[in-house]
Structure formats: C-alpha cells, structure tokens
Amino acid sequence: MGWFTRKKEGISTSTADKKKTPEGLWYKCPKCKAVIPSEDHHLNFFVCSNCDHHERISASDYFEIFFDSKKGTEFARGISSADPLKFEDTKKYVDRVKQVQEKTGLKDAMKTAYGKMNNKPIVIAAMDFGFIGGSMGSVVGEKIARSVDKAIELNCPLMIISKSGGARMMEAGLSLMQMAKTSAKLNQLSKAKLPFISLLTDPTTGGVTASFAMLGDINIAEPNALIAFAGPRVVKETIGRDLPVGFQKSEFVLEHGFLDLIVHRKDLKDKIESLIDMFEN
C-alpha cells in the first residue's frame, strides 16, 4: 500500500461528505463511531479499520488509487453545463452550477483521465457525488462519450466509476437523453472489442443504474453500496410493505444476479488488472 500517499493539506475539497474533527487530525466513522487518525484512514483507502465502512470519496481520490501516476492525464476538462431551459426552482440553475463549481473546484459531476494502471493503459471516467449529488446531465453524458472515443483512440480498456443520485432533472429531457447516448457510445466500444469495467460505488441510483452503470462487461461493486433505480424509501412507499434486510445493498444485488463481483477498495486495482488480463487473453 506504500504507493498510496495523501497530500498534507488533507481531504480533496470535492469530497463534501467526509466527516472530520477540527483540524482534520482524526476521522470519526459514521457507522461504528470509531475515532481513527486521519493519516491512517487515508492510508487505508478511506475504509474504516474498525468496521470496514467504505467512505464516499471523490473522483480525484479514485484517480489517486488507480493511476500509477496518482492522477492520470485529464481530458475534456473545460466542458460546463449550459441552461437551455432557463430552469429555476429555489434558485436559478446557472447560479446553482456556479456555486457548486466554486465550492468543489469541479466543472461538473464527472472527471475523465487516461494513464497507466499497473503499467497498462486505461481510460477512467469517475463521477463525483460532491457536484449536485453526482447527477447525470448533458456534461456527464458527453464526458462518457468522449471517454469511449479516447479508449478507442488509445486501444485500451475503459472503466467508469459510478456514484450518483440519478438524472439531473434541472435539465429535464436533455438529462434523460444521456441514458440512450451513453448506451449507444458503449456499443461502439463493444464493437471495437475493448473491455468496459463498470465500478458501482455508494450510491449508484436512478438513470445511471438504468443505463451505463449496468452495461459493463464486468460489473463490480464496493461492499455495502446502495445500488438501485428508485431508493428504498420510495419503493417501500410504493408497494406498501417492509423491504428485506439489506435491500438494494451490493450484497443483495449480487445475490440476485445483477453484479459479477464485490471487491474491497484496497483490492480493486489488482483485481481490475487481472480482469483486464483475462479479456486480453
């Protein structure tokens, strides 16, 4: 694990849901309440050493885990959401986007990069929940499309890391169109005979689950991740009865045949490399 190092200033600003005590010296697990030195928590891939809770992390953190160079070479960086619908609820959509961009340092809810993973080329598109709940709008769809193009250009595998509350309804039909767009682009990757690894993390819901997230040649999830179309509260209210224990968690989803593997975060890099080797052989 020695290759996984952290910046002295602490957690990425795009990881809005990290829980720290003042000055960032300690991490308090939201599940078991154990208090762990932040440095140890970082070195343990942001997984609680007491109860194995996998904390939500940013797209940049995943790049640091997977890329040999810790960050990869980003592309399609300058794409930002437009507002063709002139949408406004409690605030104007353009103002909401600008505010989140300033808070997170992200242009939108996905980062895309290429580089080496265990010295082998790969393209990675990683969603970031810190940007409007990781919602999928036009920019996310376009970045996935460009990631497919980049993987074909480089003749290498594509991995998409999903972490999303679903479609970005401030873009209405333009957001829902991305489900078809991303699915069609992934078909191009399939025709090029290049592997697509889909990594589902907590949460992967809504239109993301109903499209590209479940279309991987291999669908992998982190432990105890919420994977669903509609959330458990909505399902329970709709059918009017209690749900099974662990309903829509990755272990439940695996048991019912919608996943291929559940892999601990510390093992992901080596496991994905071995899966890619299987496709190449």
C-alpha atoms as a PDB file:
ATOM      1  CA  MET A   1       0.000   0.000   0.000  1.00  0.00           C
ATOM      2  CA  GLY A   2       3.011   2.270   0.131  1.00  0.00           C
ATOM      3  CA  TRP A   3       2.234   3.870  -3.230  1.00  0.00           C
ATOM      4  CA  PHE A   4      -0.961   5.392  -1.826  1.00  0.00           C
ATOM      5  CA  THR A   5       0.046   8.716  -0.258  1.00  0.00           C
ATOM      6  CA  ARG A   6      -2.000  11.730   0.716  1.00  0.00           C
ATOM      7  CA  LYS A   7      -1.415  15.461   0.490  1.00  0.00           C
ATOM      8  CA  LYS A   8      -0.521  17.144   3.763  1.00  0.00           C
ATOM      9  CA  GLU A   9      -3.384  19.610   3.480  1.00  0.00           C
ATOM     10  CA  GLY A  10      -5.857  16.729   3.842  1.00  0.00           C
ATOM     11  CA  ILE A  11      -9.030  15.808   2.024  1.00  0.00           C
ATOM     12  CA  SER A  12      -9.982  16.896  -1.500  1.00  0.00           C
ATOM     13  CA  THR A  13     -12.437  19.801  -1.489  1.00  0.00           C
ATOM     14  CA  SER A  14     -14.651  17.875  -3.906  1.00  0.00           C
ATOM     15  CA  THR A  15     -15.350  15.238  -1.247  1.00  0.00           C
ATOM     16  CA  ALA A  16     -18.074  17.185   0.509  1.00  0.00           C
ATOM     17  CA  ASP A  17     -19.391  14.307   2.629  1.00  0.00           C
ATOM     18  CA  LYS A  18     -16.174  13.451   4.523  1.00  0.00           C
ATOM     19  CA  LYS A  19     -16.552  13.710   8.294  1.00  0.00           C
ATOM     20  CA  LYS A  20     -13.565  15.098  10.188  1.00  0.00           C
ATOM     21  CA  THR A  21     -12.922  16.548  13.603  1.00  0.00           C
ATOM     22  CA  PRO A  22     -11.442  20.077  13.787  1.00  0.00           C
ATOM     23  CA  GLU A  23      -8.068  20.488  12.086  1.00  0.00           C
ATOM     24  CA  GLY A  24      -8.540  17.166  10.275  1.00  0.00           C
ATOM     25  CA  LEU A  25      -6.391  15.173  12.696  1.00  0.00           C
ATOM     26  CA  TRP A  26      -8.989  12.485  13.304  1.00  0.00           C
ATOM     27  CA  TYR A  27     -11.695  10.677  11.346  1.00  0.00           C
ATOM     28  CA  LYS A  28     -14.915   9.580  13.077  1.00  0.00           C
ATOM     29  CA  CYS A  29     -16.612   6.685  11.320  1.00  0.00           C
ATOM     30  CA  PRO A  30     -20.306   7.495  10.708  1.00  0.00           C
ATOM     31  CA  LYS A  31     -21.211   3.812  11.061  1.00  0.00           C
ATOM     32  CA  CYS A  32     -19.381   2.478  14.136  1.00  0.00           C
ATOM     33  CA  LYS A  33     -18.302   5.880  15.598  1.00  0.00           C
ATOM     34  CA  ALA A  34     -14.685   4.730  15.948  1.00  0.00           C
ATOM     35  CA  VAL A  35     -12.168   7.581  16.008  1.00  0.00           C
ATOM     36  CA  ILE A  36      -9.155   6.949  13.762  1.00  0.00           C
ATOM     37  CA  PRO A  37      -6.146   9.133  12.910  1.00  0.00           C
ATOM     38  CA  SER A  38      -6.851  10.759   9.547  1.00  0.00           C
ATOM     39  CA  GLU A  39      -3.457   9.755   8.172  1.00  0.00           C
ATOM     40  CA  ASP A  40      -4.146   6.081   8.942  1.00  0.00           C
ATOM     41  CA  HIS A  41      -7.620   6.393   7.437  1.00  0.00           C
ATOM     42  CA  HIS A  42      -6.155   7.849   4.243  1.00  0.00           C
ATOM     43  CA  LEU A  43      -3.578   5.065   4.000  1.00  0.00           C
ATOM     44  CA  ASN A  44      -6.383   2.526   4.439  1.00  0.00           C
ATOM     45  CA  PHE A  45      -8.098   3.812   1.283  1.00  0.00           C
ATOM     46  CA  PHE A  46     -10.705   5.755   3.305  1.00  0.00           C
ATOM     47  CA  VAL A  47     -12.076   2.488   4.740  1.00  0.00           C
ATOM     48  CA  CYS A  48     -12.759   2.267   8.481  1.00  0.00           C
ATOM     49  CA  SER A  49     -10.194  -0.056  10.043  1.00  0.00           C
ATOM     50  CA  ASN A  50     -12.696  -0.961  12.772  1.00  0.00           C
ATOM     51  CA  CYS A  51     -15.890  -1.864  10.867  1.00  0.00           C
ATOM     52  CA  ASP A  52     -14.783  -1.813   7.192  1.00  0.00           C
ATOM     53  CA  HIS A  53     -17.149   1.027   6.281  1.00  0.00           C
ATOM     54  CA  HIS A  54     -16.236   2.354   2.810  1.00  0.00           C
ATOM     55  CA  GLU A  55     -16.404   6.117   2.972  1.00  0.00           C
ATOM     56  CA  ARG A  56     -17.628   8.028  -0.081  1.00  0.00           C
ATOM     57  CA  ILE A  57     -14.635   9.541  -1.826  1.00  0.00           C
ATOM     58  CA  SER A  58     -14.119  11.948  -4.700  1.00  0.00           C
ATOM     59  CA  ALA A  59     -13.244  11.327  -8.343  1.00  0.00           C
ATOM     60  CA  SER A  60      -9.742  12.664  -7.640  1.00  0.00           C
ATOM     61  CA  ASP A  61      -9.308  10.149  -4.823  1.00  0.00           C
ATOM     62  CA  TYR A  62     -10.192   7.289  -7.180  1.00  0.00           C
ATOM     63  CA  PHE A  63      -7.679   8.587  -9.715  1.00  0.00           C
ATOM     64  CA  GLU A  64      -5.065   8.546  -6.980  1.00  0.00           C
ATOM     65  CA  ILE A  65      -5.934   4.948  -6.135  1.00  0.00           C
ATOM     66  CA  PHE A  66      -5.938   3.586  -9.686  1.00  0.00           C
ATOM     67  CA  PHE A  67      -3.435   5.560 -11.756  1.00  0.00           C
ATOM     68  CA  ASP A  68       0.254   4.756 -11.331  1.00  0.00           C
ATOM     69  CA  SER A  69       0.950   8.497 -11.526  1.00  0.00           C
ATOM     70  CA  LYS A  70      -1.759   9.137  -8.874  1.00  0.00           C
ATOM     71  CA  LYS A  71      -3.813  11.391 -11.163  1.00  0.00           C
ATOM     72  CA  GLY A  72      -3.648  10.463 -14.852  1.00  0.00           C
ATOM     73  CA  THR A  73      -3.886  12.935 -17.717  1.00  0.00           C
ATOM     74  CA  GLU A  74      -7.255  14.660 -17.671  1.00  0.00           C
ATOM     75  CA  PHE A  75      -9.156  15.478 -20.858  1.00  0.00           C
ATOM     76  CA  ALA A  76     -12.478  17.168 -21.680  1.00  0.00           C
ATOM     77  CA  ARG A  77     -11.827  19.409 -18.658  1.00  0.00           C
ATOM     78  CA  GLY A  78     -13.448  22.596 -19.886  1.00  0.00           C
ATOM     79  CA  ILE A  79     -16.982  21.316 -20.517  1.00  0.00           C
ATOM     80  CA  SER A  80     -19.604  23.051 -18.372  1.00  0.00           C
ATOM     81  CA  SER A  81     -23.394  22.909 -18.150  1.00  0.00           C
ATOM     82  CA  ALA A  82     -25.490  25.279 -20.229  1.00  0.00           C
ATOM     83  CA  ASP A  83     -29.037  26.253 -19.288  1.00  0.00           C
ATOM     84  CA  PRO A  84     -31.167  25.993 -22.447  1.00  0.00           C
ATOM     85  CA  LEU A  85     -34.337  25.541 -20.382  1.00  0.00           C
ATOM     86  CA  LYS A  86     -33.706  28.651 -18.224  1.00  0.00           C
ATOM     87  CA  PHE A  87     -34.586  26.464 -15.248  1.00  0.00           C
ATOM     88  CA  GLU A  88     -35.278  27.970 -11.834  1.00  0.00           C
ATOM     89  CA  ASP A  89     -36.597  26.464  -8.593  1.00  0.00           C
ATOM     90  CA  THR A  90     -35.313  27.882  -5.290  1.00  0.00           C
ATOM     91  CA  LYS A  91     -32.531  29.461  -7.358  1.00  0.00           C
ATOM     92  CA  LYS A  92     -31.528  29.739 -10.983  1.00  0.00           C
ATOM     93  CA  TYR A  93     -29.819  26.659 -12.374  1.00  0.00           C
ATOM     94  CA  VAL A  94     -26.915  28.743 -13.703  1.00  0.00           C
ATOM     95  CA  ASP A  95     -26.381  30.156 -10.205  1.00  0.00           C
ATOM     96  CA  ARG A  96     -26.563  26.698  -8.635  1.00  0.00           C
ATOM     97  CA  VAL A  97     -23.958  25.325 -11.042  1.00  0.00           C
ATOM     98  CA  LYS A  98     -21.653  28.294 -10.499  1.00  0.00           C
ATOM     99  CA  GLN A  99     -21.923  27.969  -6.721  1.00  0.00           C
ATOM    100  CA  VAL A 100     -21.078  24.251  -6.771  1.00  0.00           C
ATOM    101  CA  GLN A 101     -18.202  24.808  -9.197  1.00  0.00           C
ATOM    102  CA  GLU A 102     -16.684  27.349  -6.816  1.00  0.00           C
ATOM    103  CA  LYS A 103     -17.202  25.061  -3.806  1.00  0.00           C
ATOM    104  CA  THR A 104     -15.795  21.861  -5.323  1.00  0.00           C
ATOM    105  CA  GLY A 105     -13.335  23.090  -7.945  1.00  0.00           C
ATOM    106  CA  LEU A 106     -15.090  20.804 -10.441  1.00  0.00           C
ATOM    107  CA  LYS A 107     -16.701  21.805 -13.729  1.00  0.00           C
ATOM    108  CA  ASP A 108     -19.348  19.089 -13.409  1.00  0.00           C
ATOM    109  CA  ALA A 109     -20.111  15.734 -11.806  1.00  0.00           C
ATOM    110  CA  MET A 110     -17.533  13.676 -13.714  1.00  0.00           C
ATOM    111  CA  LYS A 111     -13.776  13.737 -14.243  1.00  0.00           C
ATOM    112  CA  THR A 112     -12.121  11.887 -17.119  1.00  0.00           C
ATOM    113  CA  ALA A 113      -8.474  10.892 -17.499  1.00  0.00           C
ATOM    114  CA  TYR A 114      -6.174   8.380 -19.128  1.00  0.00           C
ATOM    115  CA  GLY A 115      -2.925   6.904 -17.898  1.00  0.00           C
ATOM    116  CA  LYS A 116      -1.314   3.699 -16.688  1.00  0.00           C
ATOM    117  CA  MET A 117      -2.700   1.263 -14.130  1.00  0.00           C
ATOM    118  CA  ASN A 118      -0.046  -1.223 -13.053  1.00  0.00           C
ATOM    119  CA  ASN A 119       1.848  -0.072 -16.145  1.00  0.00           C
ATOM    120  CA  LYS A 120      -1.041  -0.803 -18.533  1.00  0.00           C
ATOM    121  CA  PRO A 121      -3.041   1.909 -20.373  1.00  0.00           C
ATOM    122  CA  ILE A 122      -6.585   2.658 -19.251  1.00  0.00           C
ATOM    123  CA  VAL A 123      -9.197   5.418 -19.525  1.00  0.00           C
ATOM    124  CA  ILE A 124     -11.156   6.198 -16.346  1.00  0.00           C
ATOM    125  CA  ALA A 125     -14.316   8.289 -16.039  1.00  0.00           C
ATOM    126  CA  ALA A 126     -15.189   8.896 -12.382  1.00  0.00           C
ATOM    127  CA  MET A 127     -18.365  10.516 -11.060  1.00  0.00           C
ATOM    128  CA  ASP A 128     -18.217  12.862  -8.071  1.00  0.00           C
ATOM    129  CA  PHE A 129     -21.141  12.962  -5.634  1.00  0.00           C
ATOM    130  CA  GLY A 130     -19.992  16.348  -4.357  1.00  0.00           C
ATOM    131  CA  PHE A 131     -21.313  18.020  -7.527  1.00  0.00           C
ATOM    132  CA  ILE A 132     -25.131  18.217  -7.248  1.00  0.00           C
ATOM    133  CA  GLY A 133     -25.311  14.672  -5.902  1.00  0.00           C
ATOM    134  CA  GLY A 134     -23.318  13.248  -8.795  1.00  0.00           C
ATOM    135  CA  SER A 135     -26.332  13.832 -11.019  1.00  0.00           C
ATOM    136  CA  MET A 136     -26.132  12.978 -14.710  1.00  0.00           C
ATOM    137  CA  GLY A 137     -26.737  15.898 -17.027  1.00  0.00           C
ATOM    138  CA  SER A 138     -25.555  16.694 -20.531  1.00  0.00           C
ATOM    139  CA  VAL A 139     -21.941  17.182 -19.448  1.00  0.00           C
ATOM    140  CA  VAL A 140     -21.711  13.756 -17.814  1.00  0.00           C
ATOM    141  CA  GLY A 141     -23.153  12.123 -20.931  1.00  0.00           C
ATOM    142  CA  GLU A 142     -20.727  13.995 -23.167  1.00  0.00           C
ATOM    143  CA  LYS A 143     -17.747  13.093 -20.996  1.00  0.00           C
ATOM    144  CA  ILE A 144     -18.667   9.412 -21.148  1.00  0.00           C
ATOM    145  CA  ALA A 145     -18.971   9.708 -24.938  1.00  0.00           C
ATOM    146  CA  ARG A 146     -15.518  11.301 -25.145  1.00  0.00           C
ATOM    147  CA  SER A 147     -14.109   8.644 -22.802  1.00  0.00           C
ATOM    148  CA  VAL A 148     -15.291   5.948 -25.201  1.00  0.00           C
ATOM    149  CA  ASP A 149     -13.652   7.836 -28.081  1.00  0.00           C
ATOM    150  CA  LYS A 150     -10.422   8.162 -26.080  1.00  0.00           C
ATOM    151  CA  ALA A 151     -10.372   4.446 -25.213  1.00  0.00           C
ATOM    152  CA  ILE A 152     -10.845   3.563 -28.892  1.00  0.00           C
ATOM    153  CA  GLU A 153      -8.128   6.048 -29.883  1.00  0.00           C
ATOM    154  CA  LEU A 154      -5.689   4.555 -27.353  1.00  0.00           C
ATOM    155  CA  ASN A 155      -6.912   0.979 -27.955  1.00  0.00           C
ATOM    156  CA  CYS A 156      -7.303   0.384 -24.235  1.00  0.00           C
ATOM    157  CA  PRO A 157      -9.969  -0.551 -21.640  1.00  0.00           C
ATOM    158  CA  LEU A 158     -12.476   1.911 -20.199  1.00  0.00           C
ATOM    159  CA  MET A 159     -13.574   1.993 -16.571  1.00  0.00           C
ATOM    160  CA  ILE A 160     -16.485   4.118 -15.379  1.00  0.00           C
ATOM    161  CA  ILE A 161     -16.830   4.694 -11.632  1.00  0.00           C
ATOM    162  CA  SER A 162     -20.445   5.478 -10.774  1.00  0.00           C
ATOM    163  CA  LYS A 163     -21.571   7.470  -7.740  1.00  0.00           C
ATOM    164  CA  SER A 164     -24.833   9.243  -8.458  1.00  0.00           C
ATOM    165  CA  GLY A 165     -28.256  10.264  -7.254  1.00  0.00           C
ATOM    166  CA  GLY A 166     -29.554   9.818 -10.822  1.00  0.00           C
ATOM    167  CA  ALA A 167     -30.557  12.133 -13.653  1.00  0.00           C
ATOM    168  CA  ARG A 168     -30.193  15.909 -13.235  1.00  0.00           C
ATOM    169  CA  MET A 169     -33.793  16.969 -13.517  1.00  0.00           C
ATOM    170  CA  MET A 170     -32.914  20.657 -13.877  1.00  0.00           C
ATOM    171  CA  GLU A 171     -32.007  19.651 -17.431  1.00  0.00           C
ATOM    172  CA  ALA A 172     -35.224  17.619 -17.866  1.00  0.00           C
ATOM    173  CA  GLY A 173     -35.334  15.675 -21.144  1.00  0.00           C
ATOM    174  CA  LEU A 174     -31.790  16.706 -22.020  1.00  0.00           C
ATOM    175  CA  SER A 175     -30.636  14.777 -18.963  1.00  0.00           C
ATOM    176  CA  LEU A 176     -32.742  11.691 -19.700  1.00  0.00           C
ATOM    177  CA  MET A 177     -31.371  11.622 -23.260  1.00  0.00           C
ATOM    178  CA  GLN A 178     -27.943  10.817 -21.817  1.00  0.00           C
ATOM    179  CA  MET A 179     -29.156   7.322 -20.913  1.00  0.00           C
ATOM    180  CA  ALA A 180     -29.552   6.468 -24.598  1.00  0.00           C
ATOM    181  CA  LYS A 181     -26.474   8.429 -25.648  1.00  0.00           C
ATOM    182  CA  THR A 182     -24.111   6.693 -23.226  1.00  0.00           C
ATOM    183  CA  SER A 183     -25.540   3.257 -24.024  1.00  0.00           C
ATOM    184  CA  ALA A 184     -25.042   3.844 -27.762  1.00  0.00           C
ATOM    185  CA  LYS A 185     -21.451   5.016 -27.257  1.00  0.00           C
ATOM    186  CA  LEU A 186     -20.636   1.945 -25.168  1.00  0.00           C
ATOM    187  CA  ASN A 187     -21.887  -0.180 -28.042  1.00  0.00           C
ATOM    188  CA  GLN A 188     -19.136   1.405 -30.146  1.00  0.00           C
ATOM    189  CA  LEU A 189     -16.597   0.299 -27.525  1.00  0.00           C
ATOM    190  CA  SER A 190     -18.001  -3.230 -27.696  1.00  0.00           C
ATOM    191  CA  LYS A 191     -17.692  -3.268 -31.486  1.00  0.00           C
ATOM    192  CA  ALA A 192     -14.063  -2.205 -31.081  1.00  0.00           C
ATOM    193  CA  LYS A 193     -13.621  -5.274 -28.811  1.00  0.00           C
ATOM    194  CA  LEU A 194     -12.338  -3.204 -25.905  1.00  0.00           C
ATOM    195  CA  PRO A 195     -13.276  -4.063 -22.299  1.00  0.00           C
ATOM    196  CA  PHE A 196     -15.641  -1.888 -20.259  1.00  0.00           C
ATOM    197  CA  ILE A 197     -15.352  -2.272 -16.483  1.00  0.00           C
ATOM    198  CA  SER A 198     -18.219  -0.721 -14.522  1.00  0.00           C
ATOM    199  CA  LEU A 199     -17.469   0.039 -10.868  1.00  0.00           C
ATOM    200  CA  LEU A 200     -20.552   0.846  -8.803  1.00  0.00           C
ATOM    201  CA  THR A 201     -19.992   2.728  -5.545  1.00  0.00           C
ATOM    202  CA  ASP A 202     -22.282   4.202  -2.896  1.00  0.00           C
ATOM    203  CA  PRO A 203     -24.777   5.339  -4.114  1.00  0.00           C
ATOM    204  CA  THR A 204     -25.461   4.316  -7.716  1.00  0.00           C
ATOM    205  CA  THR A 205     -29.089   5.128  -8.430  1.00  0.00           C
ATOM    206  CA  GLY A 206     -31.622   6.449 -10.925  1.00  0.00           C
ATOM    207  CA  GLY A 207     -30.889   6.887 -14.619  1.00  0.00           C
ATOM    208  CA  VAL A 208     -27.227   5.983 -14.112  1.00  0.00           C
ATOM    209  CA  THR A 209     -28.223   2.499 -12.907  1.00  0.00           C
ATOM    210  CA  ALA A 210     -30.771   2.274 -15.718  1.00  0.00           C
ATOM    211  CA  SER A 211     -28.090   2.892 -18.351  1.00  0.00           C
ATOM    212  CA  PHE A 212     -24.302   2.741 -18.464  1.00  0.00           C
ATOM    213  CA  ALA A 213     -23.629   1.584 -14.887  1.00  0.00           C
ATOM    214  CA  MET A 214     -25.140  -1.848 -15.509  1.00  0.00           C
ATOM    215  CA  LEU A 215     -23.733  -2.338 -19.025  1.00  0.00           C
ATOM    216  CA  GLY A 216     -20.210  -3.350 -18.102  1.00  0.00           C
ATOM    217  CA  ASP A 217     -18.516  -6.423 -19.486  1.00  0.00           C
ATOM    218  CA  ILE A 218     -17.863  -6.864 -15.771  1.00  0.00           C
ATOM    219  CA  ASN A 219     -20.000  -5.099 -13.149  1.00  0.00           C
ATOM    220  CA  ILE A 220     -18.149  -4.661  -9.857  1.00  0.00           C
ATOM    221  CA  ALA A 221     -19.329  -3.002  -6.638  1.00  0.00           C
ATOM    222  CA  GLU A 222     -17.731  -1.896  -3.416  1.00  0.00           C
ATOM    223  CA  PRO A 223     -19.107  -3.523  -0.238  1.00  0.00           C
ATOM    224  CA  ASN A 224     -22.421  -2.263   1.165  1.00  0.00           C
ATOM    225  CA  ALA A 225     -23.024   0.219  -1.675  1.00  0.00           C
ATOM    226  CA  LEU A 226     -26.580   1.336  -2.400  1.00  0.00           C
ATOM    227  CA  ILE A 227     -27.438   0.221  -5.952  1.00  0.00           C
ATOM    228  CA  ALA A 228     -30.952   0.923  -7.163  1.00  0.00           C
ATOM    229  CA  PHE A 229     -33.209   2.710  -9.589  1.00  0.00           C
ATOM    230  CA  ALA A 230     -35.596   4.177  -7.014  1.00  0.00           C
ATOM    231  CA  GLY A 231     -34.367   4.418  -3.424  1.00  0.00           C
ATOM    232  CA  PRO A 232     -35.652   2.062  -0.705  1.00  0.00           C
ATOM    233  CA  ARG A 233     -37.914   4.699   0.864  1.00  0.00           C
ATOM    234  CA  VAL A 234     -39.660   5.316  -2.465  1.00  0.00           C
ATOM    235  CA  VAL A 235     -40.026   1.584  -3.118  1.00  0.00           C
ATOM    236  CA  LYS A 236     -41.434   0.943   0.339  1.00  0.00           C
ATOM    237  CA  GLU A 237     -44.000   3.727  -0.010  1.00  0.00           C
ATOM    238  CA  THR A 238     -44.957   2.495  -3.483  1.00  0.00           C
ATOM    239  CA  ILE A 239     -45.528  -1.184  -2.640  1.00  0.00           C
ATOM    240  CA  GLY A 240     -46.783  -0.515   0.896  1.00  0.00           C
ATOM    241  CA  ARG A 241     -44.771  -3.162   2.721  1.00  0.00           C
ATOM    242  CA  ASP A 242     -41.478  -3.667   4.523  1.00  0.00           C
ATOM    243  CA  LEU A 243     -38.397  -4.479   2.468  1.00  0.00           C
ATOM    244  CA  PRO A 244     -35.940  -7.368   3.007  1.00  0.00           C
ATOM    245  CA  VAL A 245     -32.906  -6.767   5.189  1.00  0.00           C
ATOM    246  CA  GLY A 246     -30.105  -5.249   3.119  1.00  0.00           C
ATOM    247  CA  PHE A 247     -32.454  -4.475   0.238  1.00  0.00           C
ATOM    248  CA  GLN A 248     -30.598  -2.745  -2.645  1.00  0.00           C
ATOM    249  CA  LYS A 249     -27.190  -3.063  -1.000  1.00  0.00           C
ATOM    250  CA  SER A 250     -24.471  -4.503  -3.223  1.00  0.00           C
ATOM    251  CA  GLU A 251     -24.529  -7.873  -1.417  1.00  0.00           C
ATOM    252  CA  PHE A 252     -28.287  -8.176  -2.076  1.00  0.00           C
ATOM    253  CA  VAL A 253     -27.826  -7.096  -5.696  1.00  0.00           C
ATOM    254  CA  LEU A 254     -25.033  -9.665  -6.202  1.00  0.00           C
ATOM    255  CA  GLU A 255     -27.155 -12.432  -4.703  1.00  0.00           C
ATOM    256  CA  HIS A 256     -29.941 -11.604  -7.171  1.00  0.00           C
ATOM    257  CA  GLY A 257     -27.691 -11.730 -10.222  1.00  0.00           C
ATOM    258  CA  PHE A 258     -27.169  -8.078 -11.153  1.00  0.00           C
ATOM    259  CA  LEU A 259     -23.480  -7.919 -10.200  1.00  0.00           C
ATOM    260  CA  ASP A 260     -20.475 -10.060 -11.017  1.00  0.00           C
ATOM    261  CA  LEU A 261     -18.242  -9.203  -8.068  1.00  0.00           C
ATOM    262  CA  ILE A 262     -17.971  -7.264  -4.833  1.00  0.00           C
ATOM    263  CA  VAL A 263     -14.395  -6.148  -4.181  1.00  0.00           C
ATOM    264  CA  HIS A 264     -12.864  -4.372  -1.191  1.00  0.00           C
ATOM    265  CA  ARG A 265     -11.419  -0.993  -2.154  1.00  0.00           C
ATOM    266  CA  LYS A 266      -7.863  -1.976  -1.251  1.00  0.00           C
ATOM    267  CA  ASP A 267      -8.065  -4.904  -3.689  1.00  0.00           C
ATOM    268  CA  LEU A 268      -9.727  -3.082  -6.580  1.00  0.00           C
ATOM    269  CA  LYS A 269      -6.643  -2.074  -8.551  1.00  0.00           C
ATOM    270  CA  ASP A 270      -5.123  -5.553  -8.683  1.00  0.00           C
ATOM    271  CA  LYS A 271      -8.488  -7.263  -9.261  1.00  0.00           C
ATOM    272  CA  ILE A 272      -9.379  -4.999 -12.190  1.00  0.00           C
ATOM    273  CA  GLU A 273      -5.945  -5.534 -13.709  1.00  0.00           C
ATOM    274  CA  SER A 274      -6.465  -9.307 -13.529  1.00  0.00           C
ATOM    275  CA  LEU A 275      -9.899  -8.984 -15.167  1.00  0.00           C
ATOM    276  CA  ILE A 276      -8.455  -6.901 -17.998  1.00  0.00           C
ATOM    277  CA  ASP A 277      -5.725  -9.535 -18.467  1.00  0.00           C
ATOM    278  CA  MET A 278      -8.485 -12.135 -18.811  1.00  0.00           C
ATOM    279  CA  PHE A 279     -10.070 -10.144 -21.669  1.00  0.00           C
ATOM    280  CA  GLU A 280      -6.699  -9.731 -23.391  1.00  0.00           C
ATOM    281  CA  ASN A 281      -6.019 -13.462 -23.211  1.00  0.00           C
END
